[in-house]
Amino acid sequence: MALPGPSLANLIPETDKCMLCVLRDGRYLIGFLRTVDQFANLVMQDVVERIYVEDCYGDIQQGVVLIRGENVVLLGEIDGERMQRSNLKQVSADVILAMKKELIERARSQGNSVILSREATDFQYDNF
């Protein structure tokens, strides 16, 4: 007898909770899950894109976001207490973007080809 696989119905009780969503392009989005449809498309509110560089992280405000289900790699609830006990240092969006740019340039100068494709295209945050 085969066990039933995961179902989208399992996400319904997770609405209105703070969730971490990891996308196919490597981005981390944190926000409140508001709804999900039959295609696993998600609507999240009060979303921030979290960028990690070494022992620091920074958040870039995104607001309300519609995410296509095919781009979701992982979706899970955030444990607020555990996040506050983290050893990571929070920095501003400008600082984390500068750190990320420096990291990418350093990797390029060393001939490191293991750079995410999104980073390799010099993606810019023009609206910030």
C-alpha atoms as a PDB file:
ATOM      1  CA  MET A   1       0.000   0.000   0.000  1.00  0.00           C
ATOM      2  CA  ALA A   2       1.495   3.332  -1.077  1.00  0.00           C
ATOM      3  CA  LEU A   3       1.524   6.241   1.328  1.00  0.00           C
ATOM      4  CA  PRO A   4      -0.248   9.392   0.151  1.00  0.00           C
ATOM      5  CA  GLY A   5       2.077  12.105  -1.099  1.00  0.00           C
ATOM      6  CA  PRO A   6       2.161  15.717   0.061  1.00  0.00           C
ATOM      7  CA  SER A   7      -0.896  17.719  -0.825  1.00  0.00           C
ATOM      8  CA  LEU A   8      -1.560  21.414  -1.312  1.00  0.00           C
ATOM      9  CA  ALA A   9      -4.343  21.045   1.230  1.00  0.00           C
ATOM     10  CA  ASN A  10      -1.592  20.669   3.834  1.00  0.00           C
ATOM     11  CA  LEU A  11      -0.656  24.326   3.215  1.00  0.00           C
ATOM     12  CA  ILE A  12      -4.094  25.716   4.113  1.00  0.00           C
ATOM     13  CA  PRO A  13      -3.470  25.579   7.905  1.00  0.00           C
ATOM     14  CA  GLU A  14      -0.180  27.422   7.320  1.00  0.00           C
ATOM     15  CA  THR A  15      -1.881  30.596   6.062  1.00  0.00           C
ATOM     16  CA  ASP A  16      -1.328  33.728   8.162  1.00  0.00           C
ATOM     17  CA  LYS A  17       1.946  32.340   9.516  1.00  0.00           C
ATOM     18  CA  CYS A  18       5.402  33.795   8.959  1.00  0.00           C
ATOM     19  CA  MET A  19       7.072  31.607   6.341  1.00  0.00           C
ATOM     20  CA  LEU A  20      10.448  31.263   4.646  1.00  0.00           C
ATOM     21  CA  CYS A  21      10.259  30.630   0.907  1.00  0.00           C
ATOM     22  CA  VAL A  22      13.389  29.563  -0.979  1.00  0.00           C
ATOM     23  CA  LEU A  23      13.156  30.143  -4.726  1.00  0.00           C
ATOM     24  CA  ARG A  24      14.808  28.300  -7.612  1.00  0.00           C
ATOM     25  CA  ASP A  25      17.110  31.245  -8.311  1.00  0.00           C
ATOM     26  CA  GLY A  26      18.486  31.106  -4.760  1.00  0.00           C
ATOM     27  CA  ARG A  27      16.553  33.986  -3.219  1.00  0.00           C
ATOM     28  CA  TYR A  28      15.169  33.775   0.316  1.00  0.00           C
ATOM     29  CA  LEU A  29      11.808  35.455   0.922  1.00  0.00           C
ATOM     30  CA  ILE A  30      10.283  35.848   4.380  1.00  0.00           C
ATOM     31  CA  GLY A  31       6.709  36.979   4.889  1.00  0.00           C
ATOM     32  CA  PHE A  32       3.189  36.006   5.866  1.00  0.00           C
ATOM     33  CA  LEU A  33       1.543  33.369   3.678  1.00  0.00           C
ATOM     34  CA  ARG A  34      -1.891  34.692   2.741  1.00  0.00           C
ATOM     35  CA  THR A  35      -3.172  32.183   0.198  1.00  0.00           C
ATOM     36  CA  VAL A  36      -2.228  29.282  -2.051  1.00  0.00           C
ATOM     37  CA  ASP A  37      -3.995  27.912  -5.133  1.00  0.00           C
ATOM     38  CA  GLN A  38      -4.188  24.555  -6.939  1.00  0.00           C
ATOM     39  CA  PHE A  39      -0.959  25.302  -8.847  1.00  0.00           C
ATOM     40  CA  ALA A  40       0.968  26.021  -5.615  1.00  0.00           C
ATOM     41  CA  ASN A  41       1.120  29.731  -6.470  1.00  0.00           C
ATOM     42  CA  LEU A  42       1.613  31.692  -3.261  1.00  0.00           C
ATOM     43  CA  VAL A  43       0.601  35.161  -2.154  1.00  0.00           C
ATOM     44  CA  MET A  44       2.761  36.496   0.652  1.00  0.00           C
ATOM     45  CA  GLN A  45       2.455  39.805   2.492  1.00  0.00           C
ATOM     46  CA  ASP A  46       5.022  41.979   4.321  1.00  0.00           C
ATOM     47  CA  VAL A  47       7.743  40.153   2.402  1.00  0.00           C
ATOM     48  CA  VAL A  48      11.441  40.860   2.766  1.00  0.00           C
ATOM     49  CA  GLU A  49      14.169  39.367   0.622  1.00  0.00           C
ATOM     50  CA  ARG A  50      16.888  38.189   2.971  1.00  0.00           C
ATOM     51  CA  ILE A  51      20.457  38.190   1.672  1.00  0.00           C
ATOM     52  CA  TYR A  52      23.208  36.339   3.526  1.00  0.00           C
ATOM     53  CA  VAL A  53      26.903  37.180   3.176  1.00  0.00           C
ATOM     54  CA  GLU A  54      29.371  35.465   5.509  1.00  0.00           C
ATOM     55  CA  ASP A  55      28.132  36.114   9.074  1.00  0.00           C
ATOM     56  CA  CYS A  56      25.781  38.979   8.154  1.00  0.00           C
ATOM     57  CA  TYR A  57      22.340  39.304   6.666  1.00  0.00           C
ATOM     58  CA  GLY A  58      20.225  42.144   5.352  1.00  0.00           C
ATOM     59  CA  ASP A  59      16.574  42.519   4.460  1.00  0.00           C
ATOM     60  CA  ILE A  60      15.152  44.273   1.415  1.00  0.00           C
ATOM     61  CA  GLN A  61      11.479  45.184   1.669  1.00  0.00           C
ATOM     62  CA  GLN A  62       9.309  43.718  -1.104  1.00  0.00           C
ATOM     63  CA  GLY A  63       5.736  44.161   0.203  1.00  0.00           C
ATOM     64  CA  VAL A  64       3.043  41.881  -1.253  1.00  0.00           C
ATOM     65  CA  VAL A  65       4.447  39.210  -3.582  1.00  0.00           C
ATOM     66  CA  LEU A  66       2.863  36.642  -5.901  1.00  0.00           C
ATOM     67  CA  ILE A  67       5.151  33.630  -6.344  1.00  0.00           C
ATOM     68  CA  ARG A  68       4.626  31.058  -9.084  1.00  0.00           C
ATOM     69  CA  GLY A  69       4.501  27.597  -7.597  1.00  0.00           C
ATOM     70  CA  GLU A  70       7.032  26.214 -10.070  1.00  0.00           C
ATOM     71  CA  ASN A  71       9.684  28.549  -8.622  1.00  0.00           C
ATOM     72  CA  VAL A  72       9.315  27.376  -5.016  1.00  0.00           C
ATOM     73  CA  VAL A  73      12.002  25.009  -3.766  1.00  0.00           C
ATOM     74  CA  LEU A  74      11.179  25.101  -0.058  1.00  0.00           C
ATOM     75  CA  LEU A  75       8.468  26.606   2.100  1.00  0.00           C
ATOM     76  CA  GLY A  76       8.534  26.414   5.872  1.00  0.00           C
ATOM     77  CA  GLU A  77       7.396  28.206   9.000  1.00  0.00           C
ATOM     78  CA  ILE A  78       9.843  30.579  10.687  1.00  0.00           C
ATOM     79  CA  ASP A  79      10.673  30.044  14.357  1.00  0.00           C
ATOM     80  CA  GLY A  80      10.941  33.609  15.702  1.00  0.00           C
ATOM     81  CA  GLU A  81      12.698  32.647  18.942  1.00  0.00           C
ATOM     82  CA  ARG A  82      15.351  30.686  17.108  1.00  0.00           C
ATOM     83  CA  MET A  83      15.986  33.535  14.683  1.00  0.00           C
ATOM     84  CA  GLN A  84      16.621  35.948  17.561  1.00  0.00           C
ATOM     85  CA  ARG A  85      19.208  33.588  19.066  1.00  0.00           C
ATOM     86  CA  SER A  86      21.131  33.518  15.785  1.00  0.00           C
ATOM     87  CA  ASN A  87      24.810  34.502  15.719  1.00  0.00           C
ATOM     88  CA  LEU A  88      24.299  36.391  12.453  1.00  0.00           C
ATOM     89  CA  LYS A  89      24.601  40.183  12.472  1.00  0.00           C
ATOM     90  CA  GLN A  90      21.851  42.214  10.832  1.00  0.00           C
ATOM     91  CA  VAL A  91      23.017  45.053   8.575  1.00  0.00           C
ATOM     92  CA  SER A  92      21.200  47.541   6.359  1.00  0.00           C
ATOM     93  CA  ALA A  93      20.154  46.766   2.798  1.00  0.00           C
ATOM     94  CA  ASP A  94      22.837  49.078   1.366  1.00  0.00           C
ATOM     95  CA  VAL A  95      25.583  47.383   3.380  1.00  0.00           C
ATOM     96  CA  ILE A  96      24.527  43.822   2.512  1.00  0.00           C
ATOM     97  CA  LEU A  97      24.243  44.681  -1.208  1.00  0.00           C
ATOM     98  CA  ALA A  98      27.739  46.196  -1.147  1.00  0.00           C
ATOM     99  CA  MET A  99      29.085  43.110   0.649  1.00  0.00           C
ATOM    100  CA  LYS A 100      27.426  40.825  -1.901  1.00  0.00           C
ATOM    101  CA  LYS A 101      28.833  42.814  -4.812  1.00  0.00           C
ATOM    102  CA  GLU A 102      32.321  42.647  -3.284  1.00  0.00           C
ATOM    103  CA  LEU A 103      31.982  38.887  -2.760  1.00  0.00           C
ATOM    104  CA  ILE A 104      30.951  38.382  -6.399  1.00  0.00           C
ATOM    105  CA  GLU A 105      33.816  40.538  -7.690  1.00  0.00           C
ATOM    106  CA  ARG A 106      36.301  38.656  -5.488  1.00  0.00           C
ATOM    107  CA  ALA A 107      35.000  35.312  -6.783  1.00  0.00           C
ATOM    108  CA  ARG A 108      35.273  36.508 -10.396  1.00  0.00           C
ATOM    109  CA  SER A 109      38.821  37.777  -9.922  1.00  0.00           C
ATOM    110  CA  GLN A 110      39.827  34.390  -8.513  1.00  0.00           C
ATOM    111  CA  GLY A 111      38.252  32.627 -11.476  1.00  0.00           C
ATOM    112  CA  ASN A 112      35.636  30.963  -9.311  1.00  0.00           C
ATOM    113  CA  SER A 113      32.877  29.808 -11.645  1.00  0.00           C
ATOM    114  CA  VAL A 114      30.618  28.633  -8.827  1.00  0.00           C
ATOM    115  CA  ILE A 115      28.471  31.756  -8.764  1.00  0.00           C
ATOM    116  CA  LEU A 116      24.709  31.660  -8.933  1.00  0.00           C
ATOM    117  CA  SER A 117      23.516  32.651 -12.385  1.00  0.00           C
ATOM    118  CA  ARG A 118      21.441  35.479 -10.942  1.00  0.00           C
ATOM    119  CA  GLU A 119      24.510  36.948  -9.249  1.00  0.00           C
ATOM    120  CA  ALA A 120      26.619  36.548 -12.354  1.00  0.00           C
ATOM    121  CA  THR A 121      24.281  38.809 -14.332  1.00  0.00           C
ATOM    122  CA  ASP A 122      24.998  41.785 -12.037  1.00  0.00           C
ATOM    123  CA  PHE A 123      21.378  42.013 -10.942  1.00  0.00           C
ATOM    124  CA  GLN A 124      20.724  45.519  -9.621  1.00  0.00           C
ATOM    125  CA  TYR A 125      18.118  46.798  -7.200  1.00  0.00           C
ATOM    126  CA  ASP A 126      17.178  49.921  -9.125  1.00  0.00           C
ATOM    127  CA  ASN A 127      14.231  50.833  -6.900  1.00  0.00           C
ATOM    128  CA  PHE A 128      16.169  51.093  -3.653  1.00  0.00           C
END
